[in-house]
């Protein structure tokens, strides 16, 4: 059986092909450079320090590089860290099974397709139903394989679809609890809100921002896709149906300082923003807790304003 990174215990040595999931050139207290790395395979990611790094090493081991690593797992402040014995980039001529380096969503693609399809069927407003089905079909392969982020929330293969699905489940509970919510509009917004990431990101392996992602961003990209879809489907460009759905995707970041061009001005838009924020936060916190030993705190989470979270010693029911 093939052994992956997180299958090793503390003190065990390994020699593995890994992916540089994140790489940052930093300085220690003495002013010497080192690389703070996240090395990963499909089982997960572990941090490592590459000491006495030169500036050119930041290029050699940039994010997305496939490397051969000899090292061992050790404990650092209550969580695993890799002590590197040797590390070098894998040449393009070497036959690497990239699928073994990329973590996947907790649910399989087939299951996510089925569940998201059930939510699509519950979108009763005809134009919203048509637009959602059209864009899901257009971007099908990318939507169900792409991550929802480069390095933070749901940054794994299938993460975009999984993020969408968990948001839809949250939306269903809110719509059940609050009769004033337009379920069809909220579901459509959940499905479309991050679909622009199929254009913003390069894919699930060695994920980078595309030129469109850097210059335009996923909010505006999906708004453009909505307009193009409406044209293809013969939906009136001036209709309120299209206007409301465009507002949902353009306002879902919630605040101007978060990159939102508009603030939520619909009940459903406000809920979409809060559901999106909630799901991203839960994903980030649970990911860090899973890498933290019982009885310890996580490292500070930048996405949560530096807050640290405690993992209880006991597994409570």
C-alpha atoms as a PDB file:
ATOM      1  CA  UNK A   1       0.000   0.000   0.000  1.00  0.00           C
ATOM      2  CA  UNK A   2       1.340   3.420  -0.988  1.00  0.00           C
ATOM      3  CA  UNK A   3       2.224   5.436   2.096  1.00  0.00           C
ATOM      4  CA  UNK A   4       1.438   9.147   2.087  1.00  0.00           C
ATOM      5  CA  UNK A   5       2.802  12.039   4.137  1.00  0.00           C
ATOM      6  CA  UNK A   6       0.213  12.002   6.921  1.00  0.00           C
ATOM      7  CA  UNK A   7       0.505   8.218   7.283  1.00  0.00           C
ATOM      8  CA  UNK A   8       3.896   8.729   8.989  1.00  0.00           C
ATOM      9  CA  UNK A   9       4.228   9.146  12.758  1.00  0.00           C
ATOM     10  CA  UNK A  10       6.461  11.548  14.647  1.00  0.00           C
ATOM     11  CA  UNK A  11      10.085  10.483  14.485  1.00  0.00           C
ATOM     12  CA  UNK A  12       9.600   8.428  11.319  1.00  0.00           C
ATOM     13  CA  UNK A  13      11.861   9.171   8.387  1.00  0.00           C
ATOM     14  CA  UNK A  14      10.525   9.305   4.837  1.00  0.00           C
ATOM     15  CA  UNK A  15      11.554   9.941   1.258  1.00  0.00           C
ATOM     16  CA  UNK A  16       8.580  11.232  -0.724  1.00  0.00           C
ATOM     17  CA  UNK A  17       7.606  13.219  -3.781  1.00  0.00           C
ATOM     18  CA  UNK A  18       5.615  16.201  -2.542  1.00  0.00           C
ATOM     19  CA  UNK A  19       4.046  19.395  -3.816  1.00  0.00           C
ATOM     20  CA  UNK A  20       5.092  22.825  -2.551  1.00  0.00           C
ATOM     21  CA  UNK A  21       1.635  24.064  -1.606  1.00  0.00           C
ATOM     22  CA  UNK A  22       2.924  27.374  -0.255  1.00  0.00           C
ATOM     23  CA  UNK A  23       6.335  29.040  -0.147  1.00  0.00           C
ATOM     24  CA  UNK A  24       7.322  32.267   1.619  1.00  0.00           C
ATOM     25  CA  UNK A  25      10.809  33.778   1.862  1.00  0.00           C
ATOM     26  CA  UNK A  26      11.311  35.121   5.391  1.00  0.00           C
ATOM     27  CA  UNK A  27      14.050  36.390   7.693  1.00  0.00           C
ATOM     28  CA  UNK A  28      14.918  35.018  11.125  1.00  0.00           C
ATOM     29  CA  UNK A  29      15.864  37.152  14.136  1.00  0.00           C
ATOM     30  CA  UNK A  30      19.465  37.296  12.935  1.00  0.00           C
ATOM     31  CA  UNK A  31      18.437  38.568   9.521  1.00  0.00           C
ATOM     32  CA  UNK A  32      19.165  35.310   7.701  1.00  0.00           C
ATOM     33  CA  UNK A  33      16.743  34.145   5.025  1.00  0.00           C
ATOM     34  CA  UNK A  34      14.742  30.944   5.233  1.00  0.00           C
ATOM     35  CA  UNK A  35      11.778  29.494   3.358  1.00  0.00           C
ATOM     36  CA  UNK A  36       8.564  28.752   5.218  1.00  0.00           C
ATOM     37  CA  UNK A  37       7.075  25.900   3.201  1.00  0.00           C
ATOM     38  CA  UNK A  38       3.907  23.877   3.159  1.00  0.00           C
ATOM     39  CA  UNK A  39       4.637  20.486   1.635  1.00  0.00           C
ATOM     40  CA  UNK A  40       1.733  18.305   0.626  1.00  0.00           C
ATOM     41  CA  UNK A  41       0.387  15.229  -1.066  1.00  0.00           C
ATOM     42  CA  UNK A  42      -3.174  13.937  -1.324  1.00  0.00           C
ATOM     43  CA  UNK A  43      -3.242  13.112   2.407  1.00  0.00           C
ATOM     44  CA  UNK A  44      -2.686  16.728   3.459  1.00  0.00           C
ATOM     45  CA  UNK A  45      -0.037  19.391   4.078  1.00  0.00           C
ATOM     46  CA  UNK A  46       2.676  19.864   6.714  1.00  0.00           C
ATOM     47  CA  UNK A  47       4.837  22.939   7.280  1.00  0.00           C
ATOM     48  CA  UNK A  48       8.615  22.872   6.948  1.00  0.00           C
ATOM     49  CA  UNK A  49      11.494  25.339   7.219  1.00  0.00           C
ATOM     50  CA  UNK A  50      14.249  25.429   4.612  1.00  0.00           C
ATOM     51  CA  UNK A  51      17.048  27.144   6.529  1.00  0.00           C
ATOM     52  CA  UNK A  52      19.806  29.376   5.179  1.00  0.00           C
ATOM     53  CA  UNK A  53      17.919  29.914   1.958  1.00  0.00           C
ATOM     54  CA  UNK A  54      19.223  32.174  -0.758  1.00  0.00           C
ATOM     55  CA  UNK A  55      16.856  34.476  -2.681  1.00  0.00           C
ATOM     56  CA  UNK A  56      17.186  32.179  -5.719  1.00  0.00           C
ATOM     57  CA  UNK A  57      15.874  29.299  -3.589  1.00  0.00           C
ATOM     58  CA  UNK A  58      12.528  31.116  -3.431  1.00  0.00           C
ATOM     59  CA  UNK A  59      12.336  30.601  -7.199  1.00  0.00           C
ATOM     60  CA  UNK A  60      13.554  26.990  -7.076  1.00  0.00           C
ATOM     61  CA  UNK A  61      10.927  26.076  -4.491  1.00  0.00           C
ATOM     62  CA  UNK A  62       8.107  28.401  -5.483  1.00  0.00           C
ATOM     63  CA  UNK A  63       4.482  27.458  -4.866  1.00  0.00           C
ATOM     64  CA  UNK A  64       3.444  24.674  -7.229  1.00  0.00           C
ATOM     65  CA  UNK A  65       6.889  23.063  -7.538  1.00  0.00           C
ATOM     66  CA  UNK A  66       7.063  19.273  -7.282  1.00  0.00           C
ATOM     67  CA  UNK A  67       9.959  18.206  -5.042  1.00  0.00           C
ATOM     68  CA  UNK A  68      11.685  15.102  -3.741  1.00  0.00           C
ATOM     69  CA  UNK A  69      12.028  15.368   0.035  1.00  0.00           C
ATOM     70  CA  UNK A  70      13.935  13.260   2.552  1.00  0.00           C
ATOM     71  CA  UNK A  71      13.104  14.102   6.141  1.00  0.00           C
ATOM     72  CA  UNK A  72      11.175  13.165   9.233  1.00  0.00           C
ATOM     73  CA  UNK A  73       8.102  14.338  11.085  1.00  0.00           C
ATOM     74  CA  UNK A  74       8.698  16.106  14.378  1.00  0.00           C
ATOM     75  CA  UNK A  75       6.555  17.968  16.881  1.00  0.00           C
ATOM     76  CA  UNK A  76       6.614  21.762  16.883  1.00  0.00           C
ATOM     77  CA  UNK A  77       4.353  23.592  19.344  1.00  0.00           C
ATOM     78  CA  UNK A  78       1.794  20.802  19.325  1.00  0.00           C
ATOM     79  CA  UNK A  79       1.650  20.092  15.607  1.00  0.00           C
ATOM     80  CA  UNK A  80       3.611  18.213  12.982  1.00  0.00           C
ATOM     81  CA  UNK A  81       6.503  19.809  11.173  1.00  0.00           C
ATOM     82  CA  UNK A  82       8.939  18.345   8.644  1.00  0.00           C
ATOM     83  CA  UNK A  83      12.627  18.350   9.450  1.00  0.00           C
ATOM     84  CA  UNK A  84      14.230  18.453   6.011  1.00  0.00           C
ATOM     85  CA  UNK A  85      17.348  16.363   5.346  1.00  0.00           C
ATOM     86  CA  UNK A  86      17.361  17.063   1.614  1.00  0.00           C
ATOM     87  CA  UNK A  87      15.046  18.628  -0.934  1.00  0.00           C
ATOM     88  CA  UNK A  88      15.327  19.146  -4.666  1.00  0.00           C
ATOM     89  CA  UNK A  89      12.911  19.941  -7.516  1.00  0.00           C
ATOM     90  CA  UNK A  90      11.704  17.020  -9.613  1.00  0.00           C
ATOM     91  CA  UNK A  91      12.675  17.386 -13.263  1.00  0.00           C
ATOM     92  CA  UNK A  92      10.014  17.523 -15.943  1.00  0.00           C
ATOM     93  CA  UNK A  93      11.359  14.271 -17.415  1.00  0.00           C
ATOM     94  CA  UNK A  94      10.464  12.281 -14.291  1.00  0.00           C
ATOM     95  CA  UNK A  95       7.130  10.490 -14.448  1.00  0.00           C
ATOM     96  CA  UNK A  96       5.190  11.829 -11.454  1.00  0.00           C
ATOM     97  CA  UNK A  97       1.607  10.791 -10.736  1.00  0.00           C
ATOM     98  CA  UNK A  98       0.273  14.257  -9.932  1.00  0.00           C
ATOM     99  CA  UNK A  99      -3.050  12.813  -8.700  1.00  0.00           C
ATOM    100  CA  UNK A 100      -1.152  11.508  -5.637  1.00  0.00           C
ATOM    101  CA  UNK A 101      -0.102  15.056  -4.708  1.00  0.00           C
ATOM    102  CA  UNK A 102      -3.472  16.800  -4.650  1.00  0.00           C
ATOM    103  CA  UNK A 103      -5.944  16.486  -1.782  1.00  0.00           C
ATOM    104  CA  UNK A 104      -9.587  15.922  -2.706  1.00  0.00           C
ATOM    105  CA  UNK A 105     -12.971  16.986  -1.388  1.00  0.00           C
ATOM    106  CA  UNK A 106     -14.554  14.971   1.464  1.00  0.00           C
ATOM    107  CA  UNK A 107     -17.335  13.891  -0.924  1.00  0.00           C
ATOM    108  CA  UNK A 108     -16.865  12.220  -4.289  1.00  0.00           C
ATOM    109  CA  UNK A 109     -17.678  13.972  -7.545  1.00  0.00           C
ATOM    110  CA  UNK A 110     -20.586  11.653  -8.390  1.00  0.00           C
ATOM    111  CA  UNK A 111     -22.262  12.304  -5.035  1.00  0.00           C
ATOM    112  CA  UNK A 112     -21.753  16.075  -5.279  1.00  0.00           C
ATOM    113  CA  UNK A 113     -23.212  16.133  -8.778  1.00  0.00           C
ATOM    114  CA  UNK A 114     -26.299  14.292  -7.585  1.00  0.00           C
ATOM    115  CA  UNK A 115     -26.859  16.519  -4.549  1.00  0.00           C
ATOM    116  CA  UNK A 116     -26.260  19.813  -6.368  1.00  0.00           C
ATOM    117  CA  UNK A 117     -28.612  18.609  -9.108  1.00  0.00           C
ATOM    118  CA  UNK A 118     -31.336  18.169  -6.491  1.00  0.00           C
ATOM    119  CA  UNK A 119     -30.939  21.793  -5.415  1.00  0.00           C
ATOM    120  CA  UNK A 120     -31.034  22.948  -9.043  1.00  0.00           C
ATOM    121  CA  UNK A 121     -34.366  21.161  -9.437  1.00  0.00           C
ATOM    122  CA  UNK A 122     -35.744  23.239  -6.546  1.00  0.00           C
ATOM    123  CA  UNK A 123     -35.039  26.548  -8.332  1.00  0.00           C
ATOM    124  CA  UNK A 124     -38.607  27.270  -9.460  1.00  0.00           C
ATOM    125  CA  UNK A 125     -38.162  30.659 -11.164  1.00  0.00           C
ATOM    126  CA  UNK A 126     -37.765  29.742 -14.839  1.00  0.00           C
ATOM    127  CA  UNK A 127     -35.051  32.214 -15.849  1.00  0.00           C
ATOM    128  CA  UNK A 128     -32.880  31.517 -12.805  1.00  0.00           C
ATOM    129  CA  UNK A 129     -33.269  27.782 -13.394  1.00  0.00           C
ATOM    130  CA  UNK A 130     -32.245  28.184 -17.057  1.00  0.00           C
ATOM    131  CA  UNK A 131     -29.233  30.347 -16.245  1.00  0.00           C
ATOM    132  CA  UNK A 132     -27.942  28.027 -13.516  1.00  0.00           C
ATOM    133  CA  UNK A 133     -28.324  24.906 -15.692  1.00  0.00           C
ATOM    134  CA  UNK A 134     -26.698  26.639 -18.670  1.00  0.00           C
ATOM    135  CA  UNK A 135     -23.626  27.775 -16.721  1.00  0.00           C
ATOM    136  CA  UNK A 136     -23.249  24.487 -14.837  1.00  0.00           C
ATOM    137  CA  UNK A 137     -23.237  22.680 -18.177  1.00  0.00           C
ATOM    138  CA  UNK A 138     -20.836  25.189 -19.759  1.00  0.00           C
ATOM    139  CA  UNK A 139     -18.267  24.909 -16.985  1.00  0.00           C
ATOM    140  CA  UNK A 140     -19.086  21.354 -15.847  1.00  0.00           C
ATOM    141  CA  UNK A 141     -15.602  19.791 -15.855  1.00  0.00           C
ATOM    142  CA  UNK A 142     -13.920  22.747 -14.191  1.00  0.00           C
ATOM    143  CA  UNK A 143     -16.687  23.360 -11.654  1.00  0.00           C
ATOM    144  CA  UNK A 144     -16.492  19.827 -10.251  1.00  0.00           C
ATOM    145  CA  UNK A 145     -12.681  19.586 -10.208  1.00  0.00           C
ATOM    146  CA  UNK A 146     -11.385  23.080  -9.351  1.00  0.00           C
ATOM    147  CA  UNK A 147     -10.534  24.281  -5.843  1.00  0.00           C
ATOM    148  CA  UNK A 148     -12.346  27.245  -4.298  1.00  0.00           C
ATOM    149  CA  UNK A 149      -9.060  28.980  -3.473  1.00  0.00           C
ATOM    150  CA  UNK A 150      -5.337  28.953  -4.179  1.00  0.00           C
ATOM    151  CA  UNK A 151      -4.147  28.273  -0.639  1.00  0.00           C
ATOM    152  CA  UNK A 152      -6.876  29.118   1.857  1.00  0.00           C
ATOM    153  CA  UNK A 153     -10.479  27.948   1.948  1.00  0.00           C
ATOM    154  CA  UNK A 154     -11.398  24.700   0.158  1.00  0.00           C
ATOM    155  CA  UNK A 155      -8.038  24.720  -1.623  1.00  0.00           C
ATOM    156  CA  UNK A 156      -8.200  21.135  -2.882  1.00  0.00           C
ATOM    157  CA  UNK A 157      -9.501  19.233  -5.900  1.00  0.00           C
ATOM    158  CA  UNK A 158     -13.293  19.448  -5.995  1.00  0.00           C
ATOM    159  CA  UNK A 159     -13.225  22.203  -3.360  1.00  0.00           C
ATOM    160  CA  UNK A 160     -15.351  24.584  -5.419  1.00  0.00           C
ATOM    161  CA  UNK A 161     -18.206  22.092  -5.781  1.00  0.00           C
ATOM    162  CA  UNK A 162     -17.897  21.003  -2.140  1.00  0.00           C
ATOM    163  CA  UNK A 163     -17.975  24.619  -0.910  1.00  0.00           C
ATOM    164  CA  UNK A 164     -21.047  25.202  -3.087  1.00  0.00           C
ATOM    165  CA  UNK A 165     -22.777  22.094  -1.756  1.00  0.00           C
ATOM    166  CA  UNK A 166     -22.157  22.863   1.928  1.00  0.00           C
ATOM    167  CA  UNK A 167     -23.429  26.393   1.360  1.00  0.00           C
ATOM    168  CA  UNK A 168     -26.576  25.034  -0.282  1.00  0.00           C
ATOM    169  CA  UNK A 169     -27.221  22.824   2.744  1.00  0.00           C
ATOM    170  CA  UNK A 170     -26.858  25.840   5.042  1.00  0.00           C
ATOM    171  CA  UNK A 171     -29.148  27.835   2.745  1.00  0.00           C
ATOM    172  CA  UNK A 172     -31.794  25.118   2.912  1.00  0.00           C
ATOM    173  CA  UNK A 173     -31.869  25.314   6.708  1.00  0.00           C
ATOM    174  CA  UNK A 174     -32.208  29.102   6.658  1.00  0.00           C
ATOM    175  CA  UNK A 175     -34.953  28.996   4.025  1.00  0.00           C
ATOM    176  CA  UNK A 176     -36.816  26.405   6.107  1.00  0.00           C
ATOM    177  CA  UNK A 177     -36.530  28.635   9.169  1.00  0.00           C
ATOM    178  CA  UNK A 178     -37.357  32.004   7.569  1.00  0.00           C
ATOM    179  CA  UNK A 179     -40.408  31.996   5.256  1.00  0.00           C
ATOM    180  CA  UNK A 180     -39.512  35.434   3.851  1.00  0.00           C
ATOM    181  CA  UNK A 181     -36.451  33.999   2.087  1.00  0.00           C
ATOM    182  CA  UNK A 182     -36.770  33.395  -1.657  1.00  0.00           C
ATOM    183  CA  UNK A 183     -35.379  29.880  -1.766  1.00  0.00           C
ATOM    184  CA  UNK A 184     -34.896  29.860  -5.540  1.00  0.00           C
ATOM    185  CA  UNK A 185     -32.867  33.073  -5.543  1.00  0.00           C
ATOM    186  CA  UNK A 186     -30.719  31.969  -2.601  1.00  0.00           C
ATOM    187  CA  UNK A 187     -29.987  28.570  -4.145  1.00  0.00           C
ATOM    188  CA  UNK A 188     -29.135  30.136  -7.497  1.00  0.00           C
ATOM    189  CA  UNK A 189     -26.811  32.602  -5.761  1.00  0.00           C
ATOM    190  CA  UNK A 190     -25.051  29.814  -3.848  1.00  0.00           C
ATOM    191  CA  UNK A 191     -24.404  27.839  -7.021  1.00  0.00           C
ATOM    192  CA  UNK A 192     -23.185  30.801  -9.077  1.00  0.00           C
ATOM    193  CA  UNK A 193     -21.401  32.997  -6.525  1.00  0.00           C
ATOM    194  CA  UNK A 194     -17.911  31.469  -6.919  1.00  0.00           C
ATOM    195  CA  UNK A 195     -18.272  29.971 -10.391  1.00  0.00           C
ATOM    196  CA  UNK A 196     -16.016  32.727 -11.727  1.00  0.00           C
ATOM    197  CA  UNK A 197     -13.158  30.847 -10.065  1.00  0.00           C
ATOM    198  CA  UNK A 198     -13.148  28.438 -13.008  1.00  0.00           C
ATOM    199  CA  UNK A 199     -11.673  31.421 -14.875  1.00  0.00           C
ATOM    200  CA  UNK A 200      -9.837  33.062 -11.966  1.00  0.00           C
ATOM    201  CA  UNK A 201      -7.770  29.970 -11.081  1.00  0.00           C
ATOM    202  CA  UNK A 202      -5.622  27.686 -13.216  1.00  0.00           C
ATOM    203  CA  UNK A 203      -6.939  24.362 -11.877  1.00  0.00           C
ATOM    204  CA  UNK A 204      -6.555  21.904  -8.980  1.00  0.00           C
ATOM    205  CA  UNK A 205      -2.876  21.114  -9.576  1.00  0.00           C
ATOM    206  CA  UNK A 206      -0.190  23.782  -9.011  1.00  0.00           C
ATOM    207  CA  UNK A 207      -3.011  26.302  -8.612  1.00  0.00           C
ATOM    208  CA  UNK A 208      -2.229  29.854  -9.677  1.00  0.00           C
ATOM    209  CA  UNK A 209      -4.216  32.953 -10.476  1.00  0.00           C
ATOM    210  CA  UNK A 210      -4.785  33.446 -14.185  1.00  0.00           C
ATOM    211  CA  UNK A 211      -4.362  36.800 -15.948  1.00  0.00           C
ATOM    212  CA  UNK A 212      -8.163  37.203 -15.789  1.00  0.00           C
ATOM    213  CA  UNK A 213      -8.091  36.371 -12.100  1.00  0.00           C
ATOM    214  CA  UNK A 214      -5.441  38.954 -11.313  1.00  0.00           C
ATOM    215  CA  UNK A 215      -6.837  41.687 -13.556  1.00  0.00           C
ATOM    216  CA  UNK A 216     -10.596  41.191 -13.172  1.00  0.00           C
ATOM    217  CA  UNK A 217     -11.488  38.738 -10.381  1.00  0.00           C
ATOM    218  CA  UNK A 218     -14.138  36.062 -10.001  1.00  0.00           C
ATOM    219  CA  UNK A 219     -17.027  38.364  -9.000  1.00  0.00           C
ATOM    220  CA  UNK A 220     -16.874  40.345 -12.232  1.00  0.00           C
ATOM    221  CA  UNK A 221     -16.032  37.258 -14.295  1.00  0.00           C
ATOM    222  CA  UNK A 222     -19.198  35.408 -13.244  1.00  0.00           C
ATOM    223  CA  UNK A 223     -21.270  38.556 -13.742  1.00  0.00           C
ATOM    224  CA  UNK A 224     -19.997  38.650 -17.336  1.00  0.00           C
ATOM    225  CA  UNK A 225     -20.816  34.949 -17.739  1.00  0.00           C
ATOM    226  CA  UNK A 226     -24.361  35.629 -16.524  1.00  0.00           C
ATOM    227  CA  UNK A 227     -24.843  38.370 -19.104  1.00  0.00           C
ATOM    228  CA  UNK A 228     -23.475  36.159 -21.886  1.00  0.00           C
ATOM    229  CA  UNK A 229     -25.702  33.268 -20.770  1.00  0.00           C
ATOM    230  CA  UNK A 230     -28.768  35.527 -20.778  1.00  0.00           C
ATOM    231  CA  UNK A 231     -27.924  36.589 -24.334  1.00  0.00           C
ATOM    232  CA  UNK A 232     -27.559  32.962 -25.429  1.00  0.00           C
ATOM    233  CA  UNK A 233     -30.863  32.009 -23.768  1.00  0.00           C
ATOM    234  CA  UNK A 234     -32.810  35.006 -25.081  1.00  0.00           C
ATOM    235  CA  UNK A 235     -33.448  36.421 -21.603  1.00  0.00           C
ATOM    236  CA  UNK A 236     -34.171  40.150 -21.528  1.00  0.00           C
ATOM    237  CA  UNK A 237     -31.012  42.000 -20.445  1.00  0.00           C
ATOM    238  CA  UNK A 238     -33.157  44.589 -18.660  1.00  0.00           C
ATOM    239  CA  UNK A 239     -35.279  42.061 -16.773  1.00  0.00           C
ATOM    240  CA  UNK A 240     -35.431  42.112 -12.998  1.00  0.00           C
ATOM    241  CA  UNK A 241     -34.737  38.365 -13.015  1.00  0.00           C
ATOM    242  CA  UNK A 242     -31.248  38.930 -14.417  1.00  0.00           C
ATOM    243  CA  UNK A 243     -30.672  42.071 -12.371  1.00  0.00           C
ATOM    244  CA  UNK A 244     -31.327  40.291  -9.064  1.00  0.00           C
ATOM    245  CA  UNK A 245     -29.054  37.366  -9.899  1.00  0.00           C
ATOM    246  CA  UNK A 246     -26.263  39.716 -11.004  1.00  0.00           C
ATOM    247  CA  UNK A 247     -26.596  41.578  -7.702  1.00  0.00           C
ATOM    248  CA  UNK A 248     -26.305  38.306  -5.789  1.00  0.00           C
ATOM    249  CA  UNK A 249     -22.918  37.440  -7.290  1.00  0.00           C
ATOM    250  CA  UNK A 250     -21.532  40.981  -7.303  1.00  0.00           C
ATOM    251  CA  UNK A 251     -22.336  41.641  -3.635  1.00  0.00           C
ATOM    252  CA  UNK A 252     -21.478  38.297  -2.066  1.00  0.00           C
ATOM    253  CA  UNK A 253     -18.203  39.491  -0.487  1.00  0.00           C
ATOM    254  CA  UNK A 254     -20.365  41.728   1.648  1.00  0.00           C
ATOM    255  CA  UNK A 255     -18.099  44.715   2.196  1.00  0.00           C
ATOM    256  CA  UNK A 256     -16.154  47.103  -0.006  1.00  0.00           C
ATOM    257  CA  UNK A 257     -12.941  46.309   1.879  1.00  0.00           C
ATOM    258  CA  UNK A 258     -13.435  42.634   1.010  1.00  0.00           C
ATOM    259  CA  UNK A 259     -13.490  43.447  -2.706  1.00  0.00           C
ATOM    260  CA  UNK A 260     -17.261  43.627  -3.118  1.00  0.00           C
ATOM    261  CA  UNK A 261     -18.254  46.211  -5.773  1.00  0.00           C
ATOM    262  CA  UNK A 262     -21.719  46.486  -4.184  1.00  0.00           C
ATOM    263  CA  UNK A 263     -23.097  45.926  -0.702  1.00  0.00           C
ATOM    264  CA  UNK A 264     -25.894  43.361  -0.297  1.00  0.00           C
ATOM    265  CA  UNK A 265     -29.230  45.080  -0.903  1.00  0.00           C
ATOM    266  CA  UNK A 266     -31.457  41.994  -0.917  1.00  0.00           C
ATOM    267  CA  UNK A 267     -32.292  39.722   2.007  1.00  0.00           C
ATOM    268  CA  UNK A 268     -31.023  36.775  -0.024  1.00  0.00           C
ATOM    269  CA  UNK A 269     -27.816  38.636  -0.930  1.00  0.00           C
ATOM    270  CA  UNK A 270     -27.141  39.328   2.748  1.00  0.00           C
ATOM    271  CA  UNK A 271     -27.713  35.674   3.574  1.00  0.00           C
ATOM    272  CA  UNK A 272     -25.479  34.570   0.700  1.00  0.00           C
ATOM    273  CA  UNK A 273     -22.624  36.699   2.033  1.00  0.00           C
ATOM    274  CA  UNK A 274     -23.038  35.373   5.570  1.00  0.00           C
ATOM    275  CA  UNK A 275     -23.318  31.728   4.455  1.00  0.00           C
ATOM    276  CA  UNK A 276     -20.204  32.108   2.299  1.00  0.00           C
ATOM    277  CA  UNK A 277     -18.269  33.691   5.169  1.00  0.00           C
ATOM    278  CA  UNK A 278     -19.489  31.024   7.616  1.00  0.00           C
ATOM    279  CA  UNK A 279     -18.538  28.104   5.399  1.00  0.00           C
ATOM    280  CA  UNK A 280     -15.078  29.518   4.666  1.00  0.00           C
ATOM    281  CA  UNK A 281     -14.490  30.111   8.393  1.00  0.00           C
ATOM    282  CA  UNK A 282     -15.645  26.621   9.438  1.00  0.00           C
ATOM    283  CA  UNK A 283     -13.467  25.053   6.742  1.00  0.00           C
ATOM    284  CA  UNK A 284     -10.378  27.028   7.813  1.00  0.00           C
ATOM    285  CA  UNK A 285     -10.871  26.330  11.517  1.00  0.00           C
ATOM    286  CA  UNK A 286     -11.574  22.610  11.134  1.00  0.00           C
ATOM    287  CA  UNK A 287      -8.583  22.217   8.819  1.00  0.00           C
ATOM    288  CA  UNK A 288      -6.286  23.751  11.428  1.00  0.00           C
ATOM    289  CA  UNK A 289      -7.861  21.762  14.270  1.00  0.00           C
ATOM    290  CA  UNK A 290      -7.283  18.521  12.360  1.00  0.00           C
ATOM    291  CA  UNK A 291      -3.548  19.336  12.314  1.00  0.00           C
ATOM    292  CA  UNK A 292      -3.519  20.214  16.040  1.00  0.00           C
ATOM    293  CA  UNK A 293      -2.981  17.727  18.839  1.00  0.00           C
ATOM    294  CA  UNK A 294      -5.747  17.291  21.466  1.00  0.00           C
ATOM    295  CA  UNK A 295      -5.215  19.686  24.358  1.00  0.00           C
ATOM    296  CA  UNK A 296      -3.387  22.267  22.202  1.00  0.00           C
ATOM    297  CA  UNK A 297      -4.336  25.429  20.352  1.00  0.00           C
ATOM    298  CA  UNK A 298      -4.071  25.970  16.626  1.00  0.00           C
ATOM    299  CA  UNK A 299      -1.599  28.424  15.187  1.00  0.00           C
ATOM    300  CA  UNK A 300      -3.093  31.920  14.704  1.00  0.00           C
ATOM    301  CA  UNK A 301      -5.458  31.918  11.717  1.00  0.00           C
ATOM    302  CA  UNK A 302      -4.941  34.947   9.506  1.00  0.00           C
ATOM    303  CA  UNK A 303      -8.431  34.495   8.041  1.00  0.00           C
ATOM    304  CA  UNK A 304      -9.869  34.806  11.569  1.00  0.00           C
ATOM    305  CA  UNK A 305      -7.928  37.919  12.611  1.00  0.00           C
ATOM    306  CA  UNK A 306      -5.170  35.854  14.211  1.00  0.00           C
ATOM    307  CA  UNK A 307      -7.486  33.930  16.538  1.00  0.00           C
ATOM    308  CA  UNK A 308      -6.254  30.564  17.877  1.00  0.00           C
ATOM    309  CA  UNK A 309      -8.678  27.684  18.492  1.00  0.00           C
ATOM    310  CA  UNK A 310      -8.525  24.959  21.125  1.00  0.00           C
ATOM    311  CA  UNK A 311      -8.882  21.270  20.335  1.00  0.00           C
ATOM    312  CA  UNK A 312     -10.399  19.490  23.382  1.00  0.00           C
ATOM    313  CA  UNK A 313      -8.552  16.502  24.802  1.00  0.00           C
ATOM    314  CA  UNK A 314     -11.719  14.406  24.827  1.00  0.00           C
ATOM    315  CA  UNK A 315     -13.802  13.460  21.788  1.00  0.00           C
ATOM    316  CA  UNK A 316     -17.220  14.615  23.023  1.00  0.00           C
ATOM    317  CA  UNK A 317     -20.470  13.126  21.701  1.00  0.00           C
END
